[in-house]
């Protein structure tokens, strides 16, 4: 096993260089302002998430079922991801 790992370590750049370059180019492309969503779309998403969360939380005596918890979690992850510039995998793994 150690011989395999040593050989992999020596040949890592040769094997994975193209994939790494493509990954970095794609990641840089997503940071460009042209890839950013429109402000109107963000405002519509923000108002939708806030209204849905308020609608769910303003009824304290309703019986909460599993699907309502999942919906609330998805709304919270959406707000956290879009408006706090978090990577989407981090908040989703908190559940």
PDB file of N, CA and C in Angstrom:
ATOM      1  N   UNK A   1       0.826  -1.186   0.000  1.00  0.00           N
ATOM      2  CA  UNK A   1       0.000   0.000   0.000  1.00  0.00           C
ATOM      3  C   UNK A   1       0.870   1.250   0.000  1.00  0.00           C
ATOM      4  N   UNK A   2       1.958   1.225   0.739  1.00  0.00           N
ATOM      5  CA  UNK A   2       2.817   2.407   0.781  1.00  0.00           C
ATOM      6  C   UNK A   2       3.481   2.659  -0.561  1.00  0.00           C
ATOM      7  N   UNK A   3       3.790   1.596  -1.299  1.00  0.00           N
ATOM      8  CA  UNK A   3       4.380   1.787  -2.628  1.00  0.00           C
ATOM      9  C   UNK A   3       3.386   2.464  -3.566  1.00  0.00           C
ATOM     10  N   UNK A   4       2.118   2.054  -3.471  1.00  0.00           N
ATOM     11  CA  UNK A   4       1.091   2.685  -4.290  1.00  0.00           C
ATOM     12  C   UNK A   4       0.951   4.157  -3.946  1.00  0.00           C
ATOM     13  N   UNK A   5       0.901   4.481  -2.663  1.00  0.00           N
ATOM     14  CA  UNK A   5       0.768   5.873  -2.247  1.00  0.00           C
ATOM     15  C   UNK A   5       1.981   6.695  -2.658  1.00  0.00           C
ATOM     16  N   UNK A   6       3.162   6.118  -2.578  1.00  0.00           N
ATOM     17  CA  UNK A   6       4.359   6.827  -3.033  1.00  0.00           C
ATOM     18  C   UNK A   6       4.298   7.099  -4.532  1.00  0.00           C
ATOM     19  N   UNK A   7       3.878   6.101  -5.309  1.00  0.00           N
ATOM     20  CA  UNK A   7       3.761   6.283  -6.760  1.00  0.00           C
ATOM     21  C   UNK A   7       2.683   7.306  -7.092  1.00  0.00           C
ATOM     22  N   UNK A   8       1.575   7.265  -6.371  1.00  0.00           N
ATOM     23  CA  UNK A   8       0.509   8.245  -6.597  1.00  0.00           C
ATOM     24  C   UNK A   8       0.991   9.647  -6.276  1.00  0.00           C
ATOM     25  N   UNK A   9       1.720   9.792  -5.200  1.00  0.00           N
ATOM     26  CA  UNK A   9       2.244  11.101  -4.818  1.00  0.00           C
ATOM     27  C   UNK A   9       3.198  11.639  -5.883  1.00  0.00           C
ATOM     28  N   UNK A  10       4.015  10.781  -6.443  1.00  0.00           N
ATOM     29  CA  UNK A  10       4.965  11.213  -7.469  1.00  0.00           C
ATOM     30  C   UNK A  10       4.264  11.583  -8.774  1.00  0.00           C
ATOM     31  N   UNK A  11       3.185  10.900  -9.117  1.00  0.00           N
ATOM     32  CA  UNK A  11       2.492  11.120 -10.388  1.00  0.00           C
ATOM     33  C   UNK A  11       1.225  11.964 -10.249  1.00  0.00           C
ATOM     34  N   UNK A  12       1.000  12.546  -9.093  1.00  0.00           N
ATOM     35  CA  UNK A  12      -0.240  13.285  -8.839  1.00  0.00           C
ATOM     36  C   UNK A  12      -0.457  14.403  -9.853  1.00  0.00           C
ATOM     37  N   UNK A  13       0.539  15.239 -10.081  1.00  0.00           N
ATOM     38  CA  UNK A  13       0.387  16.351 -11.018  1.00  0.00           C
ATOM     39  C   UNK A  13       0.122  15.857 -12.434  1.00  0.00           C
ATOM     40  N   UNK A  14       0.789  14.805 -12.847  1.00  0.00           N
ATOM     41  CA  UNK A  14       0.604  14.271 -14.192  1.00  0.00           C
ATOM     42  C   UNK A  14      -0.820  13.752 -14.388  1.00  0.00           C
ATOM     43  N   UNK A  15      -1.375  13.133 -13.361  1.00  0.00           N
ATOM     44  CA  UNK A  15      -2.698  12.518 -13.479  1.00  0.00           C
ATOM     45  C   UNK A  15      -3.812  13.548 -13.336  1.00  0.00           C
ATOM     46  N   UNK A  16      -3.704  14.447 -12.373  1.00  0.00           N
ATOM     47  CA  UNK A  16      -4.824  15.312 -12.013  1.00  0.00           C
ATOM     48  C   UNK A  16      -4.643  16.778 -12.398  1.00  0.00           C
ATOM     49  N   UNK A  17      -3.614  17.130 -13.158  1.00  0.00           N
ATOM     50  CA  UNK A  17      -3.360  18.536 -13.459  1.00  0.00           C
ATOM     51  C   UNK A  17      -4.504  19.155 -14.260  1.00  0.00           C
ATOM     52  N   UNK A  18      -4.973  18.483 -15.313  1.00  0.00           N
ATOM     53  CA  UNK A  18      -6.040  19.044 -16.147  1.00  0.00           C
ATOM     54  C   UNK A  18      -7.326  19.244 -15.352  1.00  0.00           C
ATOM     55  N   UNK A  19      -7.673  18.293 -14.523  1.00  0.00           N
ATOM     56  CA  UNK A  19      -8.883  18.417 -13.708  1.00  0.00           C
ATOM     57  C   UNK A  19      -8.765  19.577 -12.731  1.00  0.00           C
ATOM     58  N   UNK A  20      -7.596  19.770 -12.161  1.00  0.00           N
ATOM     59  CA  UNK A  20      -7.400  20.861 -11.216  1.00  0.00           C
ATOM     60  C   UNK A  20      -7.488  22.212 -11.917  1.00  0.00           C
ATOM     61  N   UNK A  21      -6.924  22.325 -13.109  1.00  0.00           N
ATOM     62  CA  UNK A  21      -6.989  23.578 -13.864  1.00  0.00           C
ATOM     63  C   UNK A  21      -8.431  23.890 -14.246  1.00  0.00           C
ATOM     64  N   UNK A  22      -9.184  22.897 -14.699  1.00  0.00           N
ATOM     65  CA  UNK A  22     -10.586  23.114 -15.049  1.00  0.00           C
ATOM     66  C   UNK A  22     -11.409  23.514 -13.830  1.00  0.00           C
ATOM     67  N   UNK A  23     -11.148  22.890 -12.712  1.00  0.00           N
ATOM     68  CA  UNK A  23     -11.868  23.220 -11.484  1.00  0.00           C
ATOM     69  C   UNK A  23     -11.604  24.659 -11.061  1.00  0.00           C
ATOM     70  N   UNK A  24     -10.353  25.081 -11.091  1.00  0.00           N
ATOM     71  CA  UNK A  24     -10.016  26.446 -10.690  1.00  0.00           C
ATOM     72  C   UNK A  24     -10.589  27.466 -11.659  1.00  0.00           C
ATOM     73  N   UNK A  25     -10.601  27.167 -12.963  1.00  0.00           N
ATOM     74  CA  UNK A  25     -11.179  28.088 -13.945  1.00  0.00           C
ATOM     75  C   UNK A  25     -12.682  28.221 -13.736  1.00  0.00           C
ATOM     76  N   UNK A  26     -13.354  27.116 -13.454  1.00  0.00           N
ATOM     77  CA  UNK A  26     -14.791  27.157 -13.206  1.00  0.00           C
ATOM     78  C   UNK A  26     -15.098  27.948 -11.939  1.00  0.00           C
ATOM     79  N   UNK A  27     -14.288  27.761 -10.913  1.00  0.00           N
ATOM     80  CA  UNK A  27     -14.504  28.476  -9.656  1.00  0.00           C
ATOM     81  C   UNK A  27     -14.279  29.970  -9.836  1.00  0.00           C
ATOM     82  N   UNK A  28     -13.263  30.350 -10.596  1.00  0.00           N
ATOM     83  CA  UNK A  28     -13.011  31.768 -10.856  1.00  0.00           C
ATOM     84  C   UNK A  28     -14.129  32.373 -11.693  1.00  0.00           C
ATOM     85  N   UNK A  29     -14.683  31.598 -12.626  1.00  0.00           N
ATOM     86  CA  UNK A  29     -15.770  32.097 -13.464  1.00  0.00           C
ATOM     87  C   UNK A  29     -17.019  32.399 -12.667  1.00  0.00           C
ATOM     88  N   UNK A  30     -17.249  31.645 -11.604  1.00  0.00           N
ATOM     89  CA  UNK A  30     -18.432  31.881 -10.782  1.00  0.00           C
ATOM     90  C   UNK A  30     -18.316  33.144  -9.947  1.00  0.00           C
ATOM     91  N   UNK A  31     -17.116  33.646  -9.762  1.00  0.00           N
ATOM     92  CA  UNK A  31     -16.918  34.846  -8.950  1.00  0.00           C
ATOM     93  C   UNK A  31     -17.066  36.130  -9.758  1.00  0.00           C
ATOM     94  N   UNK A  32     -17.152  36.022 -11.068  1.00  0.00           N
ATOM     95  CA  UNK A  32     -17.249  37.208 -11.912  1.00  0.00           C
ATOM     96  C   UNK A  32     -18.612  37.860 -11.726  1.00  0.00           C
ATOM     97  N   UNK A  33     -18.665  39.188 -11.838  1.00  0.00           N
ATOM     98  CA  UNK A  33     -19.952  39.878 -11.676  1.00  0.00           C
ATOM     99  C   UNK A  33     -21.004  39.446 -12.690  1.00  0.00           C
ATOM    100  N   UNK A  34     -20.595  38.988 -13.861  1.00  0.00           N
ATOM    101  CA  UNK A  34     -21.580  38.550 -14.852  1.00  0.00           C
ATOM    102  C   UNK A  34     -22.303  37.285 -14.408  1.00  0.00           C
ATOM    103  N   UNK A  35     -21.714  36.531 -13.512  1.00  0.00           N
ATOM    104  CA  UNK A  35     -22.341  35.307 -13.017  1.00  0.00           C
ATOM    105  C   UNK A  35     -23.231  35.560 -11.808  1.00  0.00           C
ATOM    106  N   UNK A  36     -23.252  36.785 -11.326  1.00  0.00           N
ATOM    107  CA  UNK A  36     -24.066  37.117 -10.162  1.00  0.00           C
ATOM    108  C   UNK A  36     -25.536  37.220 -10.558  1.00  0.00           C
ATOM    109  N   UNK A  37     -26.449  36.850  -9.670  1.00  0.00           N
ATOM    110  CA  UNK A  37     -27.880  36.981  -9.986  1.00  0.00           C
ATOM    111  C   UNK A  37     -28.311  38.445  -9.953  1.00  0.00           C
ATOM    112  N   UNK A  38     -29.438  38.718 -10.591  1.00  0.00           N
ATOM    113  CA  UNK A  38     -29.978  40.078 -10.603  1.00  0.00           C
ATOM    114  C   UNK A  38     -30.460  40.462  -9.211  1.00  0.00           C
ATOM    115  N   UNK A  39     -30.405  41.760  -8.922  1.00  0.00           N
ATOM    116  CA  UNK A  39     -30.865  42.248  -7.615  1.00  0.00           C
ATOM    117  C   UNK A  39     -32.358  42.008  -7.427  1.00  0.00           C
ATOM    118  N   UNK A  40     -33.118  42.104  -8.519  1.00  0.00           N
ATOM    119  CA  UNK A  40     -34.560  41.864  -8.416  1.00  0.00           C
ATOM    120  C   UNK A  40     -34.843  40.413  -8.024  1.00  0.00           C
ATOM    121  N   UNK A  41     -34.062  39.497  -8.586  1.00  0.00           N
ATOM    122  CA  UNK A  41     -34.246  38.087  -8.233  1.00  0.00           C
ATOM    123  C   UNK A  41     -33.894  37.832  -6.773  1.00  0.00           C
ATOM    124  N   UNK A  42     -32.819  38.461  -6.309  1.00  0.00           N
ATOM    125  CA  UNK A  42     -32.439  38.301  -4.904  1.00  0.00           C
ATOM    126  C   UNK A  42     -33.494  38.887  -3.976  1.00  0.00           C
ATOM    127  N   UNK A  43     -34.052  40.029  -4.354  1.00  0.00           N
ATOM    128  CA  UNK A  43     -35.088  40.646  -3.524  1.00  0.00           C
ATOM    129  C   UNK A  43     -36.345  39.783  -3.502  1.00  0.00           C
ATOM    130  N   UNK A  44     -36.697  39.198  -4.645  1.00  0.00           N
ATOM    131  CA  UNK A  44     -37.866  38.311  -4.688  1.00  0.00           C
ATOM    132  C   UNK A  44     -37.633  37.072  -3.825  1.00  0.00           C
ATOM    133  N   UNK A  45     -36.441  36.517  -3.896  1.00  0.00           N
ATOM    134  CA  UNK A  45     -36.113  35.349  -3.071  1.00  0.00           C
ATOM    135  C   UNK A  45     -36.132  35.708  -1.591  1.00  0.00           C
ATOM    136  N   UNK A  46     -35.582  36.863  -1.258  1.00  0.00           N
ATOM    137  CA  UNK A  46     -35.557  37.309   0.141  1.00  0.00           C
ATOM    138  C   UNK A  46     -36.971  37.498   0.679  1.00  0.00           C
ATOM    139  N   UNK A  47     -37.815  38.179  -0.087  1.00  0.00           N
ATOM    140  CA  UNK A  47     -39.181  38.415   0.387  1.00  0.00           C
ATOM    141  C   UNK A  47     -39.965  37.109   0.495  1.00  0.00           C
ATOM    142  N   UNK A  48     -39.726  36.182  -0.434  1.00  0.00           N
ATOM    143  CA  UNK A  48     -40.414  34.886  -0.359  1.00  0.00           C
ATOM    144  C   UNK A  48     -39.998  34.116   0.885  1.00  0.00           C
ATOM    145  N   UNK A  49     -38.688  34.041   1.150  1.00  0.00           N
ATOM    146  CA  UNK A  49     -38.238  33.265   2.307  1.00  0.00           C
ATOM    147  C   UNK A  49     -38.725  33.887   3.607  1.00  0.00           C
ATOM    148  N   UNK A  50     -38.678  35.205   3.695  1.00  0.00           N
ATOM    149  CA  UNK A  50     -39.141  35.865   4.922  1.00  0.00           C
ATOM    150  C   UNK A  50     -40.634  35.654   5.118  1.00  0.00           C
ATOM    151  N   UNK A  51     -41.415  35.807   4.049  1.00  0.00           N
ATOM    152  CA  UNK A  51     -42.865  35.640   4.194  1.00  0.00           C
ATOM    153  C   UNK A  51     -43.228  34.196   4.547  1.00  0.00           C
ATOM    154  N   UNK A  52     -42.557  33.232   3.942  1.00  0.00           N
ATOM    155  CA  UNK A  52     -42.840  31.831   4.262  1.00  0.00           C
ATOM    156  C   UNK A  52     -42.440  31.499   5.699  1.00  0.00           C
ATOM    157  N   UNK A  53     -41.294  32.007   6.139  1.00  0.00           N
ATOM    158  CA  UNK A  53     -40.871  31.748   7.518  1.00  0.00           C
ATOM    159  C   UNK A  53     -41.823  32.402   8.507  1.00  0.00           C
ATOM    160  N   UNK A  54     -42.233  33.636   8.231  1.00  0.00           N
ATOM    161  CA  UNK A  54     -43.176  34.307   9.128  1.00  0.00           C
ATOM    162  C   UNK A  54     -44.519  33.597   9.152  1.00  0.00           C
ATOM    163  N   UNK A  55     -44.957  33.123   7.997  1.00  0.00           N
ATOM    164  CA  UNK A  55     -46.223  32.403   7.929  1.00  0.00           C
ATOM    165  C   UNK A  55     -46.173  31.130   8.766  1.00  0.00           C
ATOM    166  N   UNK A  56     -45.044  30.449   8.730  1.00  0.00           N
ATOM    167  CA  UNK A  56     -44.911  29.214   9.507  1.00  0.00           C
ATOM    168  C   UNK A  56     -44.768  29.494  11.000  1.00  0.00           C
ATOM    169  N   UNK A  57     -44.033  30.539  11.348  1.00  0.00           N
ATOM    170  CA  UNK A  57     -43.734  30.788  12.758  1.00  0.00           C
ATOM    171  C   UNK A  57     -44.810  31.593  13.479  1.00  0.00           C
ATOM    172  N   UNK A  58     -45.710  32.234  12.732  1.00  0.00           N
ATOM    173  CA  UNK A  58     -46.771  33.015  13.369  1.00  0.00           C
ATOM    174  C   UNK A  58     -47.926  32.151  13.867  1.00  0.00           C
ATOM    175  N   UNK A  59     -47.871  30.869  13.600  1.00  0.00           N
ATOM    176  CA  UNK A  59     -48.911  29.955  14.071  1.00  0.00           C
ATOM    177  C   UNK A  59     -48.299  29.013  15.104  1.00  0.00           C
ATOM    178  N   UNK A  60     -48.153  29.458  16.353  1.00  0.00           N
ATOM    179  CA  UNK A  60     -47.428  28.649  17.342  1.00  0.00           C
ATOM    180  C   UNK A  60     -48.190  27.404  17.804  1.00  0.00           C
ATOM    181  N   UNK A  61     -49.489  27.355  17.579  1.00  0.00           N
ATOM    182  CA  UNK A  61     -50.265  26.235  18.107  1.00  0.00           C
ATOM    183  C   UNK A  61     -50.541  25.156  17.067  1.00  0.00           C
ATOM    184  N   UNK A  62     -50.006  25.311  15.880  1.00  0.00           N
ATOM    185  CA  UNK A  62     -50.149  24.258  14.874  1.00  0.00           C
ATOM    186  C   UNK A  62     -49.286  23.065  15.247  1.00  0.00           C
ATOM    187  N   UNK A  63     -49.731  21.903  14.848  1.00  0.00           N
ATOM    188  CA  UNK A  63     -48.935  20.699  15.058  1.00  0.00           C
ATOM    189  C   UNK A  63     -47.896  20.610  13.948  1.00  0.00           C
ATOM    190  N   UNK A  64     -46.654  20.597  14.362  1.00  0.00           N
ATOM    191  CA  UNK A  64     -45.563  20.552  13.389  1.00  0.00           C
ATOM    192  C   UNK A  64     -45.268  19.110  13.035  1.00  0.00           C
ATOM    193  N   UNK A  65     -45.295  18.844  11.754  1.00  0.00           N
ATOM    194  CA  UNK A  65     -44.937  17.527  11.262  1.00  0.00           C
ATOM    195  C   UNK A  65     -43.557  17.600  10.631  1.00  0.00           C
ATOM    196  N   UNK A  66     -43.074  16.444  10.248  1.00  0.00           N
ATOM    197  CA  UNK A  66     -41.722  16.340   9.690  1.00  0.00           C
ATOM    198  C   UNK A  66     -41.548  17.237   8.468  1.00  0.00           C
ATOM    199  N   UNK A  67     -42.532  17.262   7.579  1.00  0.00           N
ATOM    200  CA  UNK A  67     -42.382  18.043   6.352  1.00  0.00           C
ATOM    201  C   UNK A  67     -42.302  19.542   6.625  1.00  0.00           C
ATOM    202  N   UNK A  68     -42.939  20.019   7.697  1.00  0.00           N
ATOM    203  CA  UNK A  68     -42.832  21.441   8.031  1.00  0.00           C
ATOM    204  C   UNK A  68     -41.447  21.783   8.570  1.00  0.00           C
ATOM    205  N   UNK A  69     -40.872  20.889   9.350  1.00  0.00           N
ATOM    206  CA  UNK A  69     -39.501  21.109   9.820  1.00  0.00           C
ATOM    207  C   UNK A  69     -38.527  21.128   8.653  1.00  0.00           C
ATOM    208  N   UNK A  70     -38.727  20.233   7.699  1.00  0.00           N
ATOM    209  CA  UNK A  70     -37.849  20.187   6.527  1.00  0.00           C
ATOM    210  C   UNK A  70     -37.987  21.467   5.716  1.00  0.00           C
ATOM    211  N   UNK A  71     -39.207  21.947   5.550  1.00  0.00           N
ATOM    212  CA  UNK A  71     -39.422  23.186   4.798  1.00  0.00           C
ATOM    213  C   UNK A  71     -38.764  24.369   5.503  1.00  0.00           C
ATOM    214  N   UNK A  72     -38.920  24.454   6.821  1.00  0.00           N
ATOM    215  CA  UNK A  72     -38.293  25.541   7.566  1.00  0.00           C
ATOM    216  C   UNK A  72     -36.777  25.452   7.488  1.00  0.00           C
ATOM    217  N   UNK A  73     -36.237  24.251   7.593  1.00  0.00           N
ATOM    218  CA  UNK A  73     -34.792  24.077   7.463  1.00  0.00           C
ATOM    219  C   UNK A  73     -34.309  24.519   6.089  1.00  0.00           C
ATOM    220  N   UNK A  74     -35.034  24.166   5.038  1.00  0.00           N
ATOM    221  CA  UNK A  74     -34.649  24.566   3.688  1.00  0.00           C
ATOM    222  C   UNK A  74     -34.693  26.080   3.514  1.00  0.00           C
ATOM    223  N   UNK A  75     -35.672  26.730   4.107  1.00  0.00           N
ATOM    224  CA  UNK A  75     -35.737  28.191   4.033  1.00  0.00           C
ATOM    225  C   UNK A  75     -34.563  28.832   4.770  1.00  0.00           C
ATOM    226  N   UNK A  76     -34.211  28.290   5.916  1.00  0.00           N
ATOM    227  CA  UNK A  76     -33.084  28.827   6.684  1.00  0.00           C
ATOM    228  C   UNK A  76     -31.773  28.618   5.939  1.00  0.00           C
ATOM    229  N   UNK A  77     -31.586  27.442   5.353  1.00  0.00           N
ATOM    230  CA  UNK A  77     -30.371  27.173   4.577  1.00  0.00           C
ATOM    231  C   UNK A  77     -30.306  28.097   3.372  1.00  0.00           C
ATOM    232  N   UNK A  78     -31.443  28.355   2.747  1.00  0.00           N
ATOM    233  CA  UNK A  78     -31.489  29.269   1.603  1.00  0.00           C
ATOM    234  C   UNK A  78     -31.044  30.665   2.011  1.00  0.00           C
ATOM    235  N   UNK A  79     -31.579  31.172   3.100  1.00  0.00           N
ATOM    236  CA  UNK A  79     -31.189  32.517   3.550  1.00  0.00           C
ATOM    237  C   UNK A  79     -29.726  32.562   3.949  1.00  0.00           C
ATOM    238  N   UNK A  80     -29.283  31.545   4.650  1.00  0.00           N
ATOM    239  CA  UNK A  80     -27.893  31.509   5.091  1.00  0.00           C
ATOM    240  C   UNK A  80     -26.948  31.423   3.901  1.00  0.00           C
ATOM    241  N   UNK A  81     -27.304  30.641   2.907  1.00  0.00           N
ATOM    242  CA  UNK A  81     -26.444  30.456   1.741  1.00  0.00           C
ATOM    243  C   UNK A  81     -26.378  31.715   0.891  1.00  0.00           C
ATOM    244  N   UNK A  82     -27.511  32.302   0.583  1.00  0.00           N
ATOM    245  CA  UNK A  82     -27.528  33.440  -0.331  1.00  0.00           C
ATOM    246  C   UNK A  82     -27.095  34.740   0.314  1.00  0.00           C
ATOM    247  N   UNK A  83     -27.512  34.985   1.530  1.00  0.00           N
ATOM    248  CA  UNK A  83     -27.338  36.309   2.098  1.00  0.00           C
ATOM    249  C   UNK A  83     -26.199  36.409   3.098  1.00  0.00           C
ATOM    250  N   UNK A  84     -25.580  35.302   3.463  1.00  0.00           N
ATOM    251  CA  UNK A  84     -24.417  35.355   4.337  1.00  0.00           C
ATOM    252  C   UNK A  84     -23.175  34.829   3.650  1.00  0.00           C
ATOM    253  N   UNK A  85     -23.275  34.591   2.349  1.00  0.00           N
ATOM    254  CA  UNK A  85     -22.147  34.158   1.514  1.00  0.00           C
ATOM    255  C   UNK A  85     -21.492  32.893   2.049  1.00  0.00           C
ATOM    256  N   UNK A  86     -22.289  31.975   2.523  1.00  0.00           N
ATOM    257  CA  UNK A  86     -21.763  30.702   2.998  1.00  0.00           C
ATOM    258  C   UNK A  86     -21.817  29.691   1.871  1.00  0.00           C
ATOM    259  N   UNK A  87     -20.964  28.720   1.941  1.00  0.00           N
ATOM    260  CA  UNK A  87     -21.054  27.621   0.987  1.00  0.00           C
ATOM    261  C   UNK A  87     -22.247  26.761   1.374  1.00  0.00           C
ATOM    262  N   UNK A  88     -22.963  26.291   0.378  1.00  0.00           N
ATOM    263  CA  UNK A  88     -24.240  25.633   0.651  1.00  0.00           C
ATOM    264  C   UNK A  88     -24.081  24.318   1.396  1.00  0.00           C
ATOM    265  N   UNK A  89     -22.955  23.653   1.313  1.00  0.00           N
ATOM    266  CA  UNK A  89     -22.793  22.375   1.983  1.00  0.00           C
ATOM    267  C   UNK A  89     -22.644  22.502   3.482  1.00  0.00           C
ATOM    268  N   UNK A  90     -22.097  23.620   3.942  1.00  0.00           N
ATOM    269  CA  UNK A  90     -21.859  23.776   5.379  1.00  0.00           C
ATOM    270  C   UNK A  90     -23.151  23.866   6.182  1.00  0.00           C
ATOM    271  N   UNK A  91     -24.085  24.773   5.859  1.00  0.00           N
ATOM    272  CA  UNK A  91     -25.305  24.821   6.666  1.00  0.00           C
ATOM    273  C   UNK A  91     -26.167  23.573   6.513  1.00  0.00           C
ATOM    274  N   UNK A  92     -26.163  22.965   5.335  1.00  0.00           N
ATOM    275  CA  UNK A  92     -26.988  21.778   5.133  1.00  0.00           C
ATOM    276  C   UNK A  92     -26.490  20.614   5.971  1.00  0.00           C
ATOM    277  N   UNK A  93     -25.203  20.573   6.271  1.00  0.00           N
ATOM    278  CA  UNK A  93     -24.659  19.480   7.078  1.00  0.00           C
ATOM    279  C   UNK A  93     -24.930  19.673   8.564  1.00  0.00           C
ATOM    280  N   UNK A  94     -25.468  20.801   8.972  1.00  0.00           N
ATOM    281  CA  UNK A  94     -25.754  21.032  10.385  1.00  0.00           C
ATOM    282  C   UNK A  94     -26.950  20.220  10.866  1.00  0.00           C
ATOM    283  N   UNK A  95     -27.719  19.662   9.953  1.00  0.00           N
ATOM    284  CA  UNK A  95     -28.921  18.915  10.352  1.00  0.00           C
ATOM    285  C   UNK A  95     -28.580  17.488  10.666  1.00  0.00           C
TER     286      UNK A  95
END
